[in-house]
Amino acid sequence: MKDVIIKALATGALAAALAILASQAVAGGDPAKGRKVFNKCRACHTVKAGKHRTGPSLHRVVGRKAGTARGFKKYKGLKDADWTWTEAELDAYLTDPKKYLRAKNGRRGTMVLKLKKATDRGNVIAYIKSIE
């Protein structure tokens, strides 16, 4: 029981720290630079509405409930997700997708790309948001 409580507190602390860092990183994102960084993502994702690849389209992902891209049915780690993609959530996810999903819902995701630099994550998120 003690281990469960400690694990829950650690997960909460990690989520809070990532949210604070995310809000700082995302605030100044540059969509033009983000478009270049997004080239790393293009093998699996598009920003065109309804056009999916191995991963779902990221068109209007900010504000969308996780795991609900219309027409995409291959969700593994996001199946039954109960959160909405915000800039902070995306920033935390892009930092380490597998670790994020394990902490968030205990599932394993298939995305392996990590964007280690906060500026890259902020720029990619700014780019994705600019595609409306």
Protein backbone atom coordinates (compact mmCIF):
# COMPACT_ATOMS: atom_id res chain seq x y z
CA MET A 1 0.00 0.00 0.00
CA LYS A 2 2.84 2.35 0.90
CA ASP A 3 4.48 1.70 -2.49
CA VAL A 4 1.26 2.57 -4.32
CA ILE A 5 0.96 5.88 -2.47
CA ILE A 6 4.61 6.75 -3.12
CA LYS A 7 4.22 5.87 -6.80
CA ALA A 8 1.07 8.03 -7.07
CA LEU A 9 2.79 10.99 -5.38
CA ALA A 10 5.83 10.65 -7.63
CA THR A 11 3.64 10.51 -10.74
CA GLY A 12 1.74 13.60 -9.60
CA ALA A 13 4.95 15.49 -8.89
CA LEU A 14 6.35 14.55 -12.29
CA ALA A 15 3.17 15.67 -14.04
CA ALA A 16 3.20 19.01 -12.18
CA ALA A 17 6.86 19.64 -13.00
CA LEU A 18 6.34 18.79 -16.66
CA ALA A 19 3.31 21.08 -16.85
CA ILE A 20 5.31 24.01 -15.48
CA LEU A 21 8.19 23.38 -17.87
CA ALA A 22 5.80 22.84 -20.75
CA SER A 23 4.04 26.15 -20.28
CA GLN A 24 7.39 27.92 -20.36
CA ALA A 25 8.63 26.07 -23.45
CA VAL A 26 5.46 26.34 -25.50
CA ALA A 27 4.80 30.02 -24.90
CA GLY A 28 7.38 31.23 -27.41
CA GLY A 29 7.09 28.61 -30.15
CA ASP A 30 7.94 29.54 -33.74
CA PRO A 31 5.70 27.79 -36.32
CA ALA A 32 8.26 28.21 -39.14
CA LYS A 33 10.96 26.48 -37.10
CA GLY A 34 8.40 23.93 -35.94
CA ARG A 35 7.62 22.98 -39.52
CA LYS A 36 11.27 21.98 -39.99
CA VAL A 37 11.31 19.97 -36.75
CA PHE A 38 8.02 18.34 -37.78
CA ASN A 39 9.90 16.67 -40.65
CA LYS A 40 10.98 14.09 -38.04
CA CYS A 41 7.29 13.32 -37.47
CA ARG A 42 6.14 13.13 -41.11
CA ALA A 43 6.98 9.46 -41.53
CA CYS A 44 4.09 8.62 -39.20
CA HIS A 45 1.88 11.74 -38.98
CA THR A 46 0.30 14.38 -41.20
CA VAL A 47 -1.34 17.70 -40.40
CA LYS A 48 -4.05 17.22 -43.03
CA ALA A 49 -7.55 16.66 -41.70
CA GLY A 50 -8.55 12.99 -41.91
CA LYS A 51 -5.29 11.86 -43.56
CA HIS A 52 -3.63 9.28 -41.34
CA ARG A 53 -0.44 7.29 -41.64
CA THR A 54 0.96 4.89 -39.07
CA GLY A 55 -0.06 7.54 -36.54
CA PRO A 56 -3.12 9.78 -36.58
CA SER A 57 -3.45 13.13 -38.29
CA LEU A 58 -2.42 15.94 -35.96
CA HIS A 59 -4.77 18.44 -37.57
CA ARG A 60 -6.46 20.37 -34.73
CA VAL A 61 -4.98 18.05 -32.11
CA VAL A 62 -4.78 20.85 -29.52
CA GLY A 63 -8.13 20.81 -27.76
CA ARG A 64 -9.04 17.31 -28.96
CA LYS A 65 -9.61 14.42 -26.58
CA ALA A 66 -6.64 12.06 -26.75
CA GLY A 67 -7.21 8.97 -28.87
CA THR A 68 -10.14 10.35 -30.86
CA ALA A 69 -8.86 11.37 -34.29
CA ARG A 70 -11.78 10.67 -36.61
CA GLY A 71 -11.11 7.67 -38.82
CA PHE A 72 -8.02 6.47 -36.96
CA LYS A 73 -8.51 3.14 -35.22
CA LYS A 74 -4.99 1.92 -34.46
CA TYR A 75 -4.66 3.52 -31.04
CA LYS A 76 -2.79 1.43 -28.54
CA GLY A 77 -1.48 3.59 -25.73
CA LEU A 78 -4.27 6.16 -26.09
CA LYS A 79 -7.18 3.75 -26.10
CA ASP A 80 -9.73 4.92 -23.50
CA ALA A 81 -7.66 8.05 -22.77
CA ASP A 82 -9.45 10.50 -20.51
CA TRP A 83 -7.57 13.73 -21.18
CA THR A 84 -7.56 16.47 -23.78
CA TRP A 85 -4.46 17.50 -25.67
CA THR A 86 -3.35 20.89 -24.43
CA GLU A 87 -0.05 22.52 -25.23
CA ALA A 88 1.28 21.39 -21.85
CA GLU A 89 0.09 17.80 -22.36
CA LEU A 90 1.64 17.66 -25.83
CA ASP A 91 4.89 19.07 -24.50
CA ALA A 92 5.04 16.44 -21.77
CA TYR A 93 4.14 13.69 -24.26
CA LEU A 94 6.73 14.74 -26.83
CA THR A 95 9.44 14.76 -24.16
CA ASP A 96 9.13 10.98 -23.72
CA PRO A 97 5.94 9.43 -25.14
CA LYS A 98 6.33 5.98 -23.60
CA LYS A 99 7.13 7.30 -20.13
CA TYR A 100 4.27 9.81 -20.38
CA LEU A 101 1.70 7.15 -21.25
CA ARG A 102 2.89 4.78 -18.53
CA ALA A 103 2.49 7.56 -15.96
CA LYS A 104 -0.78 8.85 -17.41
CA ASN A 105 -2.77 5.66 -17.98
CA GLY A 106 -0.45 2.68 -17.50
CA ARG A 107 -0.50 1.77 -21.20
CA ARG A 108 2.31 1.34 -23.68
CA GLY A 109 2.39 3.51 -26.76
CA THR A 110 4.09 2.91 -30.07
CA MET A 111 5.61 6.35 -30.65
CA VAL A 112 9.35 6.24 -30.18
CA LEU A 113 10.42 9.75 -31.22
CA LYS A 114 11.45 11.97 -28.32
CA LEU A 115 11.97 15.69 -28.75
CA LYS A 116 14.51 16.39 -26.04
CA LYS A 117 14.87 20.13 -26.60
CA ALA A 118 12.10 22.26 -25.09
CA THR A 119 12.46 24.76 -27.95
CA ASP A 120 11.89 22.00 -30.53
CA ARG A 121 8.75 20.85 -28.71
CA GLY A 122 7.45 24.41 -28.40
CA ASN A 123 8.13 25.07 -32.08
CA VAL A 124 6.43 21.86 -33.22
CA ILE A 125 3.38 22.60 -31.08
CA ALA A 126 3.24 26.15 -32.48
CA TYR A 127 3.42 24.71 -36.00
CA ILE A 128 0.66 22.17 -35.35
CA LYS A 129 -1.53 24.90 -33.84
CA SER A 130 -0.97 27.13 -36.87
CA ILE A 131 -2.53 24.52 -39.18
CA GLU A 132 -6.19 25.32 -38.64
